Amino acid sequence: MFLCQPVTLTGQYATLVPLVIEHHDDLVEAVLDGELWRLWYTAIPTPEGVAAEIKRRLGLQDQGAMLPFAVIENATGKAVGLTTYMNIDNGNRRVEIGSTWYRRRVQRTALNTECKMLLLQHAFEQLQCIAVEFRTHFFNQQSRAGIERLGAKLDGVLRSHQVNPHPDAKGTLRDTCVYSVTAPEWPTVRAHLNYQLSKPRTPLAGA
């Protein structure tokens, strides 16, 4: 039975743990690395907004709409970013992996690829999902390239999908690129990700 509930997912480089308010200080440090909130095509909190963002995600978890994780770097034991299962569709056994960001130091490394592997594996092999989605801004080329390197396929572009709330993009509209991996594709995608993770620590999927 599809039941998306808090769980800890452990890999070689990273561990995904249920998000709690105690991750706040690490996440403030993480968002400062690269001043991530300045990227106009993303929705990343300012250092002062991290506490509110944690509370927002936990509120959505209480509503059954999101399952947020803190990304713990195994080498340091510190939270280096956030990711979620979101837009949870219990009836159709679908989830989206999204609202993801990492501090600059760990972007384009094996840590990100492994996090996606852990989330996809849990979704398909434990939750029995029929499809897992990824969505990103049309202009977020780094994210789009990373999603495509995972093996996800572009389903389409939702044009003028959302109003961009970023102050540097006031009045603009977001075109949203929708990607997915389906259950029949998962064995091939899993083999591809295992191959990537078996290689030395070279730049990998920086979604």
N, C-alpha and C. Protein backbone atom coordinates (compact mmCIF):
# COMPACT_ATOMS: atom_id res chain seq x y z
N MET A 1 0.84 -1.20 0.00
CA MET A 1 0.00 0.00 0.00
C MET A 1 0.87 1.24 0.00
N PHE A 2 0.52 2.23 -0.80
CA PHE A 2 1.26 3.48 -0.85
C PHE A 2 1.10 4.22 0.47
N LEU A 3 2.22 4.47 1.15
CA LEU A 3 2.17 5.18 2.43
C LEU A 3 3.45 6.00 2.55
N CYS A 4 3.35 7.28 2.23
CA CYS A 4 4.51 8.17 2.24
C CYS A 4 4.62 8.77 3.64
N GLN A 5 5.54 8.24 4.43
CA GLN A 5 5.71 8.70 5.81
C GLN A 5 7.19 8.88 6.12
N PRO A 6 7.52 9.63 7.20
CA PRO A 6 8.91 9.92 7.50
C PRO A 6 9.77 8.66 7.58
N VAL A 7 10.96 8.75 6.98
CA VAL A 7 11.87 7.62 6.91
C VAL A 7 13.28 8.18 6.79
N THR A 8 14.27 7.41 7.23
CA THR A 8 15.67 7.77 7.06
C THR A 8 16.27 6.90 5.96
N LEU A 9 16.95 7.55 5.00
CA LEU A 9 17.55 6.86 3.87
C LEU A 9 19.06 7.10 3.92
N THR A 10 19.84 6.03 3.97
CA THR A 10 21.28 6.14 4.22
C THR A 10 22.09 5.66 3.03
N GLY A 11 23.07 6.47 2.64
CA GLY A 11 23.98 6.11 1.57
C GLY A 11 25.42 6.25 2.01
N GLN A 12 26.34 6.16 1.04
CA GLN A 12 27.77 6.26 1.35
C GLN A 12 28.17 7.69 1.65
N TYR A 13 27.63 8.63 0.91
CA TYR A 13 28.02 10.03 1.05
C TYR A 13 27.04 10.86 1.87
N ALA A 14 25.78 10.47 1.85
CA ALA A 14 24.75 11.29 2.48
C ALA A 14 23.70 10.43 3.16
N THR A 15 23.04 11.03 4.14
CA THR A 15 21.90 10.40 4.80
C THR A 15 20.75 11.41 4.77
N LEU A 16 19.60 10.96 4.31
CA LEU A 16 18.40 11.79 4.29
C LEU A 16 17.60 11.48 5.54
N VAL A 17 17.40 12.49 6.36
CA VAL A 17 16.69 12.32 7.63
C VAL A 17 15.48 13.23 7.65
N PRO A 18 14.44 12.87 8.41
CA PRO A 18 13.28 13.76 8.52
C PRO A 18 13.70 15.14 9.02
N LEU A 19 13.22 16.17 8.35
CA LEU A 19 13.55 17.55 8.70
C LEU A 19 12.97 17.91 10.06
N VAL A 20 13.79 18.56 10.88
CA VAL A 20 13.34 19.09 12.18
C VAL A 20 13.93 20.49 12.35
N ILE A 21 13.36 21.25 13.27
CA ILE A 21 13.79 22.64 13.46
C ILE A 21 15.25 22.71 13.91
N GLU A 22 15.76 21.64 14.52
CA GLU A 22 17.14 21.64 14.99
C GLU A 22 18.17 21.68 13.85
N HIS A 23 17.73 21.47 12.62
CA HIS A 23 18.64 21.59 11.48
C HIS A 23 18.88 23.04 11.08
N HIS A 24 18.22 23.97 11.75
CA HIS A 24 18.23 25.38 11.35
C HIS A 24 19.63 25.95 11.17
N ASP A 25 20.50 25.83 12.16
CA ASP A 25 21.80 26.50 12.11
C ASP A 25 22.66 25.97 10.96
N ASP A 26 22.65 24.65 10.77
CA ASP A 26 23.41 24.08 9.65
C ASP A 26 22.88 24.60 8.32
N LEU A 27 21.57 24.73 8.21
CA LEU A 27 20.98 25.16 6.94
C LEU A 27 21.23 26.64 6.67
N VAL A 28 21.31 27.45 7.72
CA VAL A 28 21.71 28.85 7.53
C VAL A 28 23.13 28.91 6.98
N GLU A 29 24.02 28.12 7.55
CA GLU A 29 25.40 28.06 7.06
C GLU A 29 25.42 27.58 5.61
N ALA A 30 24.58 26.61 5.30
CA ALA A 30 24.54 26.06 3.94
C ALA A 30 24.07 27.09 2.92
N VAL A 31 23.02 27.83 3.26
CA VAL A 31 22.47 28.79 2.29
C VAL A 31 23.42 29.96 2.07
N LEU A 32 24.27 30.24 3.05
CA LEU A 32 25.27 31.29 2.91
C LEU A 32 26.38 30.91 1.95
N ASP A 33 26.60 29.63 1.78
CA ASP A 33 27.66 29.13 0.89
C ASP A 33 27.20 29.32 -0.56
N GLY A 34 27.57 30.43 -1.15
CA GLY A 34 27.16 30.73 -2.51
C GLY A 34 26.02 31.72 -2.59
N GLU A 35 25.53 32.18 -1.42
CA GLU A 35 24.40 33.13 -1.39
C GLU A 35 23.28 32.64 -2.32
N LEU A 36 22.81 31.43 -2.02
CA LEU A 36 21.91 30.73 -2.93
C LEU A 36 20.60 31.46 -3.17
N TRP A 37 20.16 32.25 -2.21
CA TRP A 37 18.86 32.92 -2.34
C TRP A 37 18.87 33.99 -3.43
N ARG A 38 20.04 34.33 -3.93
CA ARG A 38 20.11 35.37 -4.95
C ARG A 38 19.78 34.86 -6.36
N LEU A 39 19.68 33.54 -6.53
CA LEU A 39 19.36 32.98 -7.84
C LEU A 39 17.89 33.27 -8.17
N TRP A 40 17.66 34.09 -9.18
CA TRP A 40 16.31 34.61 -9.45
C TRP A 40 15.34 33.53 -9.91
N TYR A 41 15.84 32.42 -10.45
CA TYR A 41 14.97 31.37 -10.98
C TYR A 41 14.73 30.23 -9.99
N THR A 42 15.10 30.44 -8.73
CA THR A 42 14.87 29.43 -7.70
C THR A 42 14.09 30.05 -6.54
N ALA A 43 13.66 29.19 -5.63
CA ALA A 43 12.95 29.64 -4.42
C ALA A 43 13.70 29.12 -3.20
N ILE A 44 14.82 29.75 -2.91
CA ILE A 44 15.68 29.35 -1.79
C ILE A 44 15.63 30.46 -0.75
N PRO A 45 15.46 30.10 0.53
CA PRO A 45 15.28 31.14 1.55
C PRO A 45 16.55 31.92 1.83
N THR A 46 16.37 33.16 2.27
CA THR A 46 17.49 33.94 2.80
C THR A 46 17.90 33.33 4.14
N PRO A 47 19.08 33.68 4.66
CA PRO A 47 19.45 33.17 5.98
C PRO A 47 18.39 33.47 7.04
N GLU A 48 17.79 34.67 6.97
CA GLU A 48 16.77 35.06 7.95
C GLU A 48 15.47 34.29 7.74
N GLY A 49 15.29 33.73 6.55
CA GLY A 49 14.04 33.03 6.23
C GLY A 49 14.09 31.53 6.40
N VAL A 50 15.23 30.99 6.82
CA VAL A 50 15.36 29.53 6.93
C VAL A 50 14.38 28.95 7.95
N ALA A 51 14.22 29.59 9.10
CA ALA A 51 13.31 29.06 10.13
C ALA A 51 11.89 28.99 9.60
N ALA A 52 11.45 30.05 8.90
CA ALA A 52 10.09 30.05 8.35
C ALA A 52 9.93 28.98 7.29
N GLU A 53 11.00 28.73 6.50
CA GLU A 53 10.92 27.71 5.47
C GLU A 53 10.81 26.31 6.07
N ILE A 54 11.56 26.08 7.15
CA ILE A 54 11.45 24.79 7.84
C ILE A 54 10.03 24.59 8.35
N LYS A 55 9.47 25.62 8.98
CA LYS A 55 8.10 25.52 9.51
C LYS A 55 7.09 25.33 8.38
N ARG A 56 7.31 25.98 7.24
CA ARG A 56 6.40 25.82 6.10
C ARG A 56 6.39 24.37 5.62
N ARG A 57 7.58 23.80 5.49
CA ARG A 57 7.67 22.42 5.01
C ARG A 57 7.08 21.44 6.02
N LEU A 58 7.30 21.69 7.29
CA LEU A 58 6.73 20.80 8.30
C LEU A 58 5.21 20.93 8.34
N GLY A 59 4.70 22.13 8.06
CA GLY A 59 3.25 22.31 7.99
C GLY A 59 2.65 21.52 6.84
N LEU A 60 3.32 21.53 5.69
CA LEU A 60 2.85 20.75 4.54
C LEU A 60 2.94 19.25 4.83
N GLN A 61 3.94 18.87 5.62
CA GLN A 61 4.02 17.46 6.03
C GLN A 61 2.81 17.08 6.88
N ASP A 62 2.42 17.96 7.78
CA ASP A 62 1.25 17.68 8.63
C ASP A 62 -0.02 17.53 7.79
N GLN A 63 -0.06 18.20 6.64
CA GLN A 63 -1.22 18.13 5.75
C GLN A 63 -1.15 16.92 4.81
N GLY A 64 -0.05 16.19 4.84
CA GLY A 64 0.11 15.04 3.95
C GLY A 64 0.50 15.40 2.54
N ALA A 65 0.95 16.66 2.32
CA ALA A 65 1.28 17.12 0.98
C ALA A 65 2.77 17.07 0.68
N MET A 66 3.60 16.91 1.70
CA MET A 66 5.05 16.95 1.52
C MET A 66 5.73 16.08 2.55
N LEU A 67 6.86 15.49 2.18
CA LEU A 67 7.70 14.75 3.12
C LEU A 67 9.10 15.33 3.01
N PRO A 68 9.47 16.27 3.91
CA PRO A 68 10.76 16.96 3.78
C PRO A 68 11.90 16.23 4.48
N PHE A 69 13.06 16.30 3.85
CA PHE A 69 14.28 15.70 4.39
C PHE A 69 15.37 16.77 4.51
N ALA A 70 16.19 16.64 5.56
CA ALA A 70 17.46 17.34 5.61
C ALA A 70 18.52 16.40 5.03
N VAL A 71 19.40 16.97 4.21
CA VAL A 71 20.48 16.19 3.61
C VAL A 71 21.70 16.30 4.50
N ILE A 72 22.07 15.20 5.13
CA ILE A 72 23.22 15.18 6.03
C ILE A 72 24.44 14.64 5.29
N GLU A 73 25.50 15.43 5.28
CA GLU A 73 26.76 14.98 4.68
C GLU A 73 27.44 14.03 5.66
N ASN A 74 27.64 12.78 5.25
CA ASN A 74 28.18 11.78 6.18
C ASN A 74 29.56 12.15 6.68
N ALA A 75 30.37 12.80 5.86
CA ALA A 75 31.74 13.11 6.24
C ALA A 75 31.81 14.13 7.37
N THR A 76 30.81 15.02 7.47
CA THR A 76 30.83 16.07 8.49
C THR A 76 29.72 15.94 9.52
N GLY A 77 28.67 15.18 9.19
CA GLY A 77 27.53 15.05 10.09
C GLY A 77 26.64 16.28 10.10
N LYS A 78 26.83 17.20 9.14
CA LYS A 78 26.08 18.44 9.12
C LYS A 78 25.07 18.45 7.97
N ALA A 79 23.97 19.17 8.17
CA ALA A 79 22.99 19.34 7.11
C ALA A 79 23.56 20.29 6.05
N VAL A 80 23.54 19.85 4.79
CA VAL A 80 24.10 20.66 3.71
C VAL A 80 23.03 21.05 2.69
N GLY A 81 21.77 20.72 2.98
CA GLY A 81 20.71 21.09 2.06
C GLY A 81 19.39 20.45 2.44
N LEU A 82 18.40 20.67 1.57
CA LEU A 82 17.06 20.15 1.78
C LEU A 82 16.56 19.48 0.50
N THR A 83 15.69 18.50 0.65
CA THR A 83 14.98 17.92 -0.46
C THR A 83 13.65 17.39 0.05
N THR A 84 12.72 17.05 -0.85
CA THR A 84 11.41 16.59 -0.41
C THR A 84 10.80 15.62 -1.41
N TYR A 85 9.88 14.82 -0.89
CA TYR A 85 8.81 14.27 -1.72
C TYR A 85 7.67 15.29 -1.61
N MET A 86 7.13 15.73 -2.73
CA MET A 86 6.08 16.73 -2.70
C MET A 86 5.00 16.38 -3.72
N ASN A 87 3.91 17.15 -3.70
CA ASN A 87 2.77 16.84 -4.57
C ASN A 87 2.44 15.35 -4.50
N ILE A 88 2.32 14.86 -3.28
CA ILE A 88 2.08 13.44 -3.05
C ILE A 88 0.67 13.06 -3.49
N ASP A 89 0.58 12.11 -4.40
CA ASP A 89 -0.70 11.64 -4.95
C ASP A 89 -0.87 10.19 -4.55
N ASN A 90 -1.52 9.97 -3.41
CA ASN A 90 -1.65 8.61 -2.88
C ASN A 90 -2.46 7.71 -3.80
N GLY A 91 -3.55 8.23 -4.35
CA GLY A 91 -4.41 7.41 -5.17
C GLY A 91 -3.74 6.90 -6.42
N ASN A 92 -2.88 7.74 -7.01
CA ASN A 92 -2.21 7.35 -8.25
C ASN A 92 -0.76 6.93 -8.06
N ARG A 93 -0.33 6.87 -6.79
CA ARG A 93 1.02 6.41 -6.45
C ARG A 93 2.09 7.19 -7.23
N ARG A 94 2.00 8.51 -7.12
CA ARG A 94 2.96 9.40 -7.76
C ARG A 94 3.50 10.38 -6.73
N VAL A 95 4.76 10.74 -6.86
CA VAL A 95 5.34 11.81 -6.06
C VAL A 95 6.26 12.63 -6.95
N GLU A 96 6.54 13.84 -6.50
CA GLU A 96 7.55 14.67 -7.13
C GLU A 96 8.72 14.80 -6.17
N ILE A 97 9.93 14.68 -6.67
CA ILE A 97 11.13 15.00 -5.91
C ILE A 97 11.48 16.44 -6.24
N GLY A 98 11.42 17.31 -5.24
CA GLY A 98 11.64 18.72 -5.54
C GLY A 98 11.91 19.56 -4.31
N SER A 99 11.82 20.89 -4.48
CA SER A 99 12.18 21.84 -3.43
C SER A 99 13.55 21.49 -2.85
N THR A 100 14.47 21.21 -3.76
CA THR A 100 15.81 20.72 -3.40
C THR A 100 16.85 21.82 -3.58
N TRP A 101 17.71 21.96 -2.60
CA TRP A 101 18.88 22.81 -2.77
C TRP A 101 20.00 22.31 -1.86
N TYR A 102 21.24 22.55 -2.30
CA TYR A 102 22.44 22.16 -1.57
C TYR A 102 23.40 23.34 -1.49
N ARG A 103 24.19 23.37 -0.44
CA ARG A 103 25.23 24.39 -0.38
C ARG A 103 26.17 24.22 -1.57
N ARG A 104 26.80 25.31 -1.98
CA ARG A 104 27.60 25.29 -3.21
C ARG A 104 28.71 24.24 -3.16
N ARG A 105 29.33 24.03 -2.02
CA ARG A 105 30.47 23.13 -1.93
C ARG A 105 30.16 21.70 -2.35
N VAL A 106 28.91 21.27 -2.17
CA VAL A 106 28.59 19.89 -2.50
C VAL A 106 27.78 19.76 -3.80
N GLN A 107 27.52 20.88 -4.46
CA GLN A 107 26.82 20.80 -5.74
C GLN A 107 27.72 20.13 -6.78
N ARG A 108 27.09 19.41 -7.73
CA ARG A 108 27.81 18.71 -8.79
C ARG A 108 28.78 17.68 -8.24
N THR A 109 28.41 17.03 -7.17
CA THR A 109 29.22 15.96 -6.60
C THR A 109 28.39 14.69 -6.49
N ALA A 110 29.04 13.60 -6.08
CA ALA A 110 28.36 12.33 -5.93
C ALA A 110 27.25 12.39 -4.88
N LEU A 111 27.36 13.32 -3.94
CA LEU A 111 26.34 13.43 -2.89
C LEU A 111 24.96 13.67 -3.48
N ASN A 112 24.87 14.57 -4.45
CA ASN A 112 23.57 14.88 -5.05
C ASN A 112 23.04 13.67 -5.81
N THR A 113 23.88 13.04 -6.61
CA THR A 113 23.46 11.86 -7.35
C THR A 113 22.96 10.77 -6.41
N GLU A 114 23.68 10.57 -5.30
CA GLU A 114 23.28 9.54 -4.36
C GLU A 114 21.95 9.88 -3.70
N CYS A 115 21.71 11.15 -3.39
CA CYS A 115 20.42 11.53 -2.80
C CYS A 115 19.27 11.21 -3.74
N LYS A 116 19.44 11.53 -5.02
CA LYS A 116 18.40 11.21 -5.99
C LYS A 116 18.21 9.69 -6.08
N MET A 117 19.31 8.95 -6.05
CA MET A 117 19.23 7.49 -6.09
C MET A 117 18.43 6.95 -4.91
N LEU A 118 18.71 7.46 -3.71
CA LEU A 118 18.02 7.00 -2.51
C LEU A 118 16.53 7.30 -2.59
N LEU A 119 16.19 8.50 -3.05
CA LEU A 119 14.78 8.88 -3.13
C LEU A 119 14.03 8.09 -4.21
N LEU A 120 14.66 7.90 -5.36
CA LEU A 120 14.03 7.12 -6.42
C LEU A 120 13.87 5.67 -6.00
N GLN A 121 14.90 5.12 -5.39
CA GLN A 121 14.83 3.72 -4.97
C GLN A 121 13.71 3.49 -3.96
N HIS A 122 13.60 4.39 -2.99
CA HIS A 122 12.54 4.24 -2.00
C HIS A 122 11.17 4.39 -2.65
N ALA A 123 11.05 5.35 -3.57
CA ALA A 123 9.76 5.59 -4.21
C ALA A 123 9.31 4.39 -5.03
N PHE A 124 10.20 3.80 -5.79
CA PHE A 124 9.80 2.70 -6.66
C PHE A 124 9.77 1.35 -5.95
N GLU A 125 10.71 1.12 -5.04
CA GLU A 125 10.85 -0.22 -4.46
C GLU A 125 10.12 -0.41 -3.14
N GLN A 126 9.89 0.67 -2.40
CA GLN A 126 9.12 0.57 -1.16
C GLN A 126 7.71 1.15 -1.31
N LEU A 127 7.60 2.33 -1.92
CA LEU A 127 6.29 2.95 -2.07
C LEU A 127 5.52 2.44 -3.28
N GLN A 128 6.21 1.71 -4.16
CA GLN A 128 5.57 1.15 -5.36
C GLN A 128 4.97 2.24 -6.24
N CYS A 129 5.69 3.34 -6.40
CA CYS A 129 5.23 4.42 -7.26
C CYS A 129 5.18 3.96 -8.72
N ILE A 130 4.24 4.54 -9.47
CA ILE A 130 4.18 4.27 -10.90
C ILE A 130 4.97 5.31 -11.69
N ALA A 131 5.23 6.46 -11.06
CA ALA A 131 6.04 7.49 -11.70
C ALA A 131 6.53 8.47 -10.65
N VAL A 132 7.71 9.03 -10.89
CA VAL A 132 8.28 10.06 -10.03
C VAL A 132 8.62 11.26 -10.90
N GLU A 133 8.15 12.44 -10.50
CA GLU A 133 8.34 13.66 -11.28
C GLU A 133 9.47 14.53 -10.72
N PHE A 134 10.01 15.35 -11.61
CA PHE A 134 10.93 16.43 -11.26
C PHE A 134 10.45 17.66 -12.02
N ARG A 135 10.43 18.82 -11.37
CA ARG A 135 10.02 20.05 -12.02
C ARG A 135 11.06 21.13 -11.74
N THR A 136 11.30 21.98 -12.73
CA THR A 136 12.27 23.06 -12.54
C THR A 136 11.97 24.19 -13.50
N HIS A 137 12.52 25.36 -13.19
CA HIS A 137 12.34 26.54 -14.03
C HIS A 137 13.02 26.33 -15.38
N PHE A 138 12.40 26.79 -16.44
CA PHE A 138 12.96 26.66 -17.78
C PHE A 138 14.38 27.21 -17.85
N PHE A 139 14.65 28.29 -17.12
CA PHE A 139 15.96 28.93 -17.18
C PHE A 139 16.97 28.36 -16.18
N ASN A 140 16.57 27.38 -15.38
CA ASN A 140 17.51 26.77 -14.44
C ASN A 140 18.27 25.66 -15.19
N GLN A 141 19.25 26.07 -15.98
CA GLN A 141 19.96 25.13 -16.84
C GLN A 141 20.73 24.08 -16.05
N GLN A 142 21.29 24.47 -14.90
CA GLN A 142 22.03 23.50 -14.08
C GLN A 142 21.11 22.40 -13.58
N SER A 143 19.93 22.79 -13.12
CA SER A 143 18.96 21.81 -12.63
C SER A 143 18.48 20.92 -13.76
N ARG A 144 18.15 21.50 -14.91
CA ARG A 144 17.66 20.71 -16.03
C ARG A 144 18.70 19.70 -16.49
N ALA A 145 19.95 20.13 -16.58
CA ALA A 145 21.01 19.22 -17.00
C ALA A 145 21.19 18.08 -16.00
N GLY A 146 21.10 18.42 -14.70
CA GLY A 146 21.24 17.39 -13.67
C GLY A 146 20.12 16.37 -13.72
N ILE A 147 18.89 16.85 -13.90
CA ILE A 147 17.74 15.94 -13.98
C ILE A 147 17.88 15.02 -15.18
N GLU A 148 18.31 15.58 -16.31
CA GLU A 148 18.46 14.76 -17.51
C GLU A 148 19.58 13.74 -17.34
N ARG A 149 20.65 14.10 -16.62
CA ARG A 149 21.73 13.14 -16.38
C ARG A 149 21.27 11.98 -15.51
N LEU A 150 20.25 12.20 -14.70
CA LEU A 150 19.70 11.10 -13.91
C LEU A 150 19.03 10.06 -14.78
N GLY A 151 18.55 10.47 -15.94
CA GLY A 151 17.81 9.57 -16.82
C GLY A 151 16.34 9.90 -16.92
N ALA A 152 15.91 10.98 -16.26
CA ALA A 152 14.51 11.40 -16.38
C ALA A 152 14.26 11.98 -17.77
N LYS A 153 13.04 11.85 -18.24
CA LYS A 153 12.67 12.33 -19.58
C LYS A 153 11.72 13.52 -19.46
N LEU A 154 11.85 14.44 -20.40
CA LEU A 154 11.02 15.63 -20.41
C LEU A 154 9.62 15.28 -20.88
N ASP A 155 8.63 15.49 -20.00
CA ASP A 155 7.23 15.28 -20.37
C ASP A 155 6.66 16.48 -21.13
N GLY A 156 7.13 17.68 -20.77
CA GLY A 156 6.64 18.87 -21.44
C GLY A 156 6.96 20.11 -20.64
N VAL A 157 6.55 21.26 -21.15
CA VAL A 157 6.79 22.55 -20.50
C VAL A 157 5.44 23.20 -20.22
N LEU A 158 5.20 23.51 -18.95
CA LEU A 158 3.98 24.24 -18.56
C LEU A 158 4.29 25.72 -18.70
N ARG A 159 3.77 26.33 -19.76
CA ARG A 159 4.11 27.72 -20.06
C ARG A 159 3.28 28.67 -19.20
N SER A 160 3.96 29.74 -18.74
CA SER A 160 3.33 30.72 -17.84
C SER A 160 2.64 30.00 -16.68
N HIS A 161 3.39 29.09 -16.08
CA HIS A 161 2.83 28.21 -15.06
C HIS A 161 2.65 28.88 -13.72
N GLN A 162 3.62 29.74 -13.34
CA GLN A 162 3.58 30.36 -12.02
C GLN A 162 4.11 31.78 -12.09
N VAL A 163 3.68 32.60 -11.14
CA VAL A 163 4.25 33.93 -10.97
C VAL A 163 5.53 33.78 -10.15
N ASN A 164 6.62 34.32 -10.65
CA ASN A 164 7.91 34.22 -9.96
C ASN A 164 7.93 35.18 -8.78
N PRO A 165 8.09 34.67 -7.54
CA PRO A 165 8.06 35.55 -6.37
C PRO A 165 9.38 36.24 -6.06
N HIS A 166 10.46 35.85 -6.76
CA HIS A 166 11.77 36.41 -6.43
C HIS A 166 11.80 37.91 -6.70
N PRO A 167 12.33 38.71 -5.77
CA PRO A 167 12.31 40.17 -5.95
C PRO A 167 13.08 40.63 -7.18
N ASP A 168 14.08 39.88 -7.64
CA ASP A 168 14.83 40.26 -8.83
C ASP A 168 14.12 39.89 -10.13
N ALA A 169 12.99 39.19 -10.00
CA ALA A 169 12.23 38.77 -11.19
C ALA A 169 10.77 39.18 -11.06
N LYS A 170 10.53 40.27 -10.36
CA LYS A 170 9.17 40.72 -10.09
C LYS A 170 8.39 40.93 -11.39
N GLY A 171 7.19 40.36 -11.44
CA GLY A 171 6.34 40.52 -12.60
C GLY A 171 6.57 39.51 -13.70
N THR A 172 7.55 38.62 -13.53
CA THR A 172 7.81 37.62 -14.56
C THR A 172 7.04 36.34 -14.27
N LEU A 173 6.87 35.54 -15.31
CA LEU A 173 6.17 34.27 -15.20
C LEU A 173 7.16 33.13 -15.41
N ARG A 174 6.92 32.05 -14.68
CA ARG A 174 7.79 30.88 -14.77
C ARG A 174 7.22 29.86 -15.74
N ASP A 175 8.04 29.45 -16.71
CA ASP A 175 7.75 28.27 -17.50
C ASP A 175 8.37 27.08 -16.77
N THR A 176 7.56 26.07 -16.47
CA THR A 176 8.02 24.93 -15.68
C THR A 176 8.26 23.72 -16.56
N CYS A 177 9.47 23.19 -16.51
CA CYS A 177 9.81 21.96 -17.23
C CYS A 177 9.47 20.77 -16.34
N VAL A 178 8.68 19.84 -16.86
CA VAL A 178 8.24 18.66 -16.12
C VAL A 178 8.94 17.44 -16.68
N TYR A 179 9.68 16.75 -15.82
CA TYR A 179 10.36 15.51 -16.17
C TYR A 179 9.79 14.37 -15.34
N SER A 180 10.01 13.15 -15.77
CA SER A 180 9.61 12.01 -14.94
C SER A 180 10.44 10.77 -15.26
N VAL A 181 10.44 9.86 -14.29
CA VAL A 181 10.92 8.49 -14.46
C VAL A 181 9.72 7.60 -14.14
N THR A 182 9.41 6.65 -15.00
CA THR A 182 8.30 5.75 -14.76
C THR A 182 8.80 4.42 -14.23
N ALA A 183 7.90 3.65 -13.64
CA ALA A 183 8.29 2.38 -13.03
C ALA A 183 8.99 1.45 -14.01
N PRO A 184 8.50 1.28 -15.26
CA PRO A 184 9.22 0.40 -16.19
C PRO A 184 10.63 0.89 -16.53
N GLU A 185 10.86 2.21 -16.42
CA GLU A 185 12.19 2.76 -16.71
C GLU A 185 13.15 2.64 -15.54
N TRP A 186 12.63 2.42 -14.34
CA TRP A 186 13.46 2.46 -13.14
C TRP A 186 14.64 1.49 -13.18
N PRO A 187 14.51 0.22 -13.60
CA PRO A 187 15.68 -0.67 -13.60
C PRO A 187 16.85 -0.12 -14.43
N THR A 188 16.56 0.48 -15.58
CA THR A 188 17.63 1.05 -16.40
C THR A 188 18.22 2.29 -15.75
N VAL A 189 17.37 3.15 -15.19
CA VAL A 189 17.86 4.34 -14.50
C VAL A 189 18.70 3.94 -13.29
N ARG A 190 18.26 2.93 -12.55
CA ARG A 190 19.02 2.46 -11.39
C ARG A 190 20.40 1.96 -11.80
N ALA A 191 20.48 1.20 -12.89
CA ALA A 191 21.78 0.71 -13.37
C ALA A 191 22.68 1.87 -13.75
N HIS A 192 22.11 2.88 -14.39
CA HIS A 192 22.87 4.07 -14.79
C HIS A 192 23.41 4.81 -13.56
N LEU A 193 22.57 5.00 -12.55
CA LEU A 193 23.00 5.72 -11.36
C LEU A 193 24.04 4.91 -10.58
N ASN A 194 23.87 3.61 -10.50
CA ASN A 194 24.87 2.77 -9.83
C ASN A 194 26.22 2.88 -10.53
N TYR A 195 26.19 2.94 -11.86
CA TYR A 195 27.43 3.09 -12.62
C TYR A 195 28.08 4.43 -12.30
N GLN A 196 27.28 5.50 -12.28
CA GLN A 196 27.83 6.82 -11.96
C GLN A 196 28.45 6.84 -10.57
N LEU A 197 27.77 6.21 -9.62
CA LEU A 197 28.27 6.22 -8.24
C LEU A 197 29.47 5.31 -8.03
N SER A 198 29.70 4.39 -8.94
CA SER A 198 30.86 3.49 -8.82
C SER A 198 32.14 4.15 -9.31
N LYS A 199 31.99 5.29 -10.02
CA LYS A 199 33.14 6.00 -10.54
C LYS A 199 33.76 6.86 -9.43
N PRO A 200 35.00 7.32 -9.63
CA PRO A 200 35.60 8.23 -8.64
C PRO A 200 34.76 9.46 -8.45
N ARG A 201 35.03 10.22 -7.39
CA ARG A 201 34.24 11.41 -7.07
C ARG A 201 34.51 12.50 -8.08
N THR A 202 33.79 12.41 -9.21
CA THR A 202 33.87 13.42 -10.26
C THR A 202 32.56 14.18 -10.28
N PRO A 203 32.50 15.35 -10.92
CA PRO A 203 31.24 16.07 -10.99
C PRO A 203 30.14 15.21 -11.60
N LEU A 204 29.02 15.13 -10.89
CA LEU A 204 27.91 14.33 -11.35
C LEU A 204 26.67 15.21 -11.48
N ALA A 205 25.52 14.66 -11.14
CA ALA A 205 24.26 15.36 -11.41
C ALA A 205 24.03 16.48 -10.42
N GLY A 206 24.23 17.72 -10.85
CA GLY A 206 24.05 18.87 -9.96
C GLY A 206 22.67 19.48 -10.08
N ALA A 207 21.61 18.69 -9.89
CA ALA A 207 20.25 19.23 -10.04
C ALA A 207 19.93 20.20 -8.91
